[in-house]
Amino acid sequence: MDLGALELAGALAPSRLLSSLLYGVQATDPLTFAGVVLLLAAVALAACYLPARRAARVDPIIALRYE
């Protein structure tokens, strides 16, 4: 089974619980799922990019001598 299909099944599983908590939005709304995926992808990209950019500025020789 594809990992994406497994994740989708895991996201759809608690949809009955979420449908009682949501107002005006279906629990299985594709636009909501897409928005959450894009938001999480942006947060993950920022969490990886910012430290990588900082680490790329360090001279490797200086970093090796530091240890």
N, C-alpha and C. Protein backbone atom coordinates (compact mmCIF):
# COMPACT_ATOMS: atom_id res chain seq x y z
N MET A 1 0.85 -1.18 0.00
CA MET A 1 0.00 0.00 0.00
C MET A 1 0.89 1.24 0.00
N ASP A 2 0.52 2.20 -0.78
CA ASP A 2 1.27 3.44 -0.89
C ASP A 2 1.18 4.22 0.43
N LEU A 3 2.25 4.89 0.79
CA LEU A 3 2.28 5.65 2.04
C LEU A 3 1.24 6.77 2.04
N GLY A 4 1.05 7.41 0.89
CA GLY A 4 0.06 8.48 0.80
C GLY A 4 -1.35 7.97 1.03
N ALA A 5 -1.65 6.78 0.52
CA ALA A 5 -2.98 6.20 0.73
C ALA A 5 -3.17 5.84 2.19
N LEU A 6 -2.12 5.38 2.84
CA LEU A 6 -2.20 5.05 4.26
C LEU A 6 -2.43 6.31 5.09
N GLU A 7 -1.76 7.38 4.74
CA GLU A 7 -1.95 8.64 5.45
C GLU A 7 -3.35 9.20 5.24
N LEU A 8 -3.85 9.08 4.01
CA LEU A 8 -5.20 9.54 3.73
C LEU A 8 -6.23 8.75 4.52
N ALA A 9 -6.03 7.45 4.61
CA ALA A 9 -6.94 6.61 5.39
C ALA A 9 -6.87 6.99 6.87
N GLY A 10 -5.68 7.30 7.36
CA GLY A 10 -5.53 7.72 8.75
C GLY A 10 -6.17 9.07 9.01
N ALA A 11 -6.18 9.93 8.01
CA ALA A 11 -6.80 11.24 8.18
C ALA A 11 -8.32 11.15 8.10
N LEU A 12 -8.82 10.24 7.30
CA LEU A 12 -10.27 10.11 7.15
C LEU A 12 -10.91 9.33 8.30
N ALA A 13 -10.11 8.57 9.03
CA ALA A 13 -10.65 7.72 10.10
C ALA A 13 -11.40 8.51 11.17
N PRO A 14 -10.86 9.60 11.70
CA PRO A 14 -11.60 10.32 12.75
C PRO A 14 -12.61 11.34 12.20
N SER A 15 -13.04 11.18 10.96
CA SER A 15 -13.91 12.18 10.35
C SER A 15 -15.28 12.27 11.04
N ARG A 16 -15.77 11.19 11.59
CA ARG A 16 -17.06 11.26 12.29
C ARG A 16 -16.95 12.12 13.54
N LEU A 17 -15.85 12.00 14.25
CA LEU A 17 -15.65 12.83 15.44
C LEU A 17 -15.51 14.29 15.04
N LEU A 18 -14.74 14.54 14.00
CA LEU A 18 -14.53 15.92 13.57
C LEU A 18 -15.79 16.54 13.00
N SER A 19 -16.64 15.75 12.37
CA SER A 19 -17.86 16.32 11.78
C SER A 19 -18.77 16.89 12.86
N SER A 20 -18.72 16.37 14.06
CA SER A 20 -19.53 16.93 15.13
C SER A 20 -18.92 18.22 15.70
N LEU A 21 -17.64 18.45 15.47
CA LEU A 21 -16.97 19.63 15.99
C LEU A 21 -16.91 20.79 15.00
N LEU A 22 -17.07 20.50 13.72
CA LEU A 22 -16.94 21.52 12.68
C LEU A 22 -18.28 22.17 12.37
N TYR A 23 -18.25 23.44 12.05
CA TYR A 23 -19.47 24.15 11.67
C TYR A 23 -19.26 24.75 10.29
N GLY A 24 -20.07 24.35 9.33
CA GLY A 24 -20.01 24.91 7.99
C GLY A 24 -18.96 24.30 7.09
N VAL A 25 -18.25 23.29 7.57
CA VAL A 25 -17.22 22.63 6.77
C VAL A 25 -17.41 21.13 6.92
N GLN A 26 -17.40 20.43 5.81
CA GLN A 26 -17.48 18.97 5.87
C GLN A 26 -16.16 18.41 6.39
N ALA A 27 -16.22 17.32 7.10
CA ALA A 27 -14.99 16.72 7.64
C ALA A 27 -14.11 16.15 6.53
N THR A 28 -14.71 15.80 5.41
CA THR A 28 -13.95 15.23 4.29
C THR A 28 -13.83 16.23 3.15
N ASP A 29 -13.86 17.52 3.44
CA ASP A 29 -13.76 18.56 2.43
C ASP A 29 -12.37 18.54 1.80
N PRO A 30 -12.28 18.35 0.47
CA PRO A 30 -10.95 18.28 -0.17
C PRO A 30 -10.17 19.59 -0.06
N LEU A 31 -10.86 20.71 -0.07
CA LEU A 31 -10.17 21.99 0.04
C LEU A 31 -9.52 22.14 1.41
N THR A 32 -10.20 21.67 2.46
CA THR A 32 -9.63 21.71 3.80
C THR A 32 -8.42 20.80 3.90
N PHE A 33 -8.52 19.58 3.36
CA PHE A 33 -7.37 18.68 3.36
C PHE A 33 -6.20 19.29 2.61
N ALA A 34 -6.45 19.89 1.46
CA ALA A 34 -5.37 20.49 0.68
C ALA A 34 -4.74 21.66 1.44
N GLY A 35 -5.56 22.45 2.10
CA GLY A 35 -5.04 23.58 2.87
C GLY A 35 -4.16 23.13 4.02
N VAL A 36 -4.57 22.09 4.70
CA VAL A 36 -3.77 21.56 5.82
C VAL A 36 -2.46 20.99 5.31
N VAL A 37 -2.52 20.28 4.19
CA VAL A 37 -1.29 19.70 3.61
C VAL A 37 -0.32 20.82 3.22
N LEU A 38 -0.82 21.86 2.59
CA LEU A 38 0.05 22.97 2.20
C LEU A 38 0.61 23.71 3.41
N LEU A 39 -0.20 23.89 4.43
CA LEU A 39 0.27 24.55 5.64
C LEU A 39 1.37 23.74 6.33
N LEU A 40 1.16 22.44 6.46
CA LEU A 40 2.18 21.60 7.09
C LEU A 40 3.45 21.52 6.25
N ALA A 41 3.30 21.51 4.94
CA ALA A 41 4.48 21.50 4.06
C ALA A 41 5.27 22.80 4.20
N ALA A 42 4.59 23.92 4.31
CA ALA A 42 5.27 25.21 4.47
C ALA A 42 6.00 25.28 5.81
N VAL A 43 5.39 24.78 6.85
CA VAL A 43 6.04 24.78 8.17
C VAL A 43 7.27 23.87 8.16
N ALA A 44 7.14 22.70 7.54
CA ALA A 44 8.28 21.77 7.47
C ALA A 44 9.41 22.36 6.63
N LEU A 45 9.07 23.03 5.54
CA LEU A 45 10.09 23.65 4.70
C LEU A 45 10.82 24.75 5.46
N ALA A 46 10.09 25.58 6.19
CA ALA A 46 10.72 26.64 6.97
C ALA A 46 11.59 26.05 8.08
N ALA A 47 11.14 24.97 8.71
CA ALA A 47 11.91 24.35 9.79
C ALA A 47 13.20 23.73 9.27
N CYS A 48 13.22 23.32 8.03
CA CYS A 48 14.44 22.74 7.44
C CYS A 48 15.32 23.80 6.79
N TYR A 49 14.70 24.76 6.13
CA TYR A 49 15.45 25.73 5.34
C TYR A 49 16.25 26.70 6.20
N LEU A 50 15.65 27.21 7.24
CA LEU A 50 16.33 28.24 8.05
C LEU A 50 17.61 27.71 8.70
N PRO A 51 17.61 26.55 9.38
CA PRO A 51 18.88 26.06 9.92
C PRO A 51 19.89 25.65 8.84
N ALA A 52 19.40 25.15 7.72
CA ALA A 52 20.31 24.75 6.64
C ALA A 52 20.99 25.97 6.03
N ARG A 53 20.26 27.05 5.90
CA ARG A 53 20.85 28.28 5.36
C ARG A 53 21.92 28.81 6.30
N ARG A 54 21.65 28.74 7.60
CA ARG A 54 22.63 29.20 8.59
C ARG A 54 23.87 28.31 8.56
N ALA A 55 23.68 27.01 8.46
CA ALA A 55 24.81 26.08 8.44
C ALA A 55 25.62 26.21 7.16
N ALA A 56 24.99 26.59 6.07
CA ALA A 56 25.71 26.74 4.81
C ALA A 56 26.64 27.94 4.82
N ARG A 57 26.40 28.89 5.69
CA ARG A 57 27.26 30.07 5.76
C ARG A 57 28.57 29.81 6.49
N VAL A 58 28.65 28.74 7.26
CA VAL A 58 29.84 28.44 8.06
C VAL A 58 30.91 27.82 7.16
N ASP A 59 32.13 28.30 7.30
CA ASP A 59 33.24 27.73 6.56
C ASP A 59 33.53 26.32 7.10
N PRO A 60 33.63 25.31 6.23
CA PRO A 60 33.83 23.94 6.73
C PRO A 60 35.11 23.76 7.53
N ILE A 61 36.18 24.44 7.16
CA ILE A 61 37.44 24.31 7.89
C ILE A 61 37.28 24.85 9.31
N ILE A 62 36.61 25.96 9.47
CA ILE A 62 36.39 26.52 10.79
C ILE A 62 35.51 25.60 11.63
N ALA A 63 34.51 25.02 11.00
CA ALA A 63 33.61 24.10 11.72
C ALA A 63 34.35 22.85 12.16
N LEU A 64 35.28 22.34 11.35
CA LEU A 64 36.06 21.16 11.73
C LEU A 64 37.06 21.47 12.83
N ARG A 65 37.65 22.65 12.80
CA ARG A 65 38.62 23.03 13.83
C ARG A 65 37.94 23.27 15.16
N TYR A 66 36.69 23.68 15.13
CA TYR A 66 35.97 23.98 16.36
C TYR A 66 35.85 22.75 17.24
N GLU A 67 35.71 21.58 16.64
CA GLU A 67 35.60 20.36 17.42
C GLU A 67 36.96 19.92 17.81
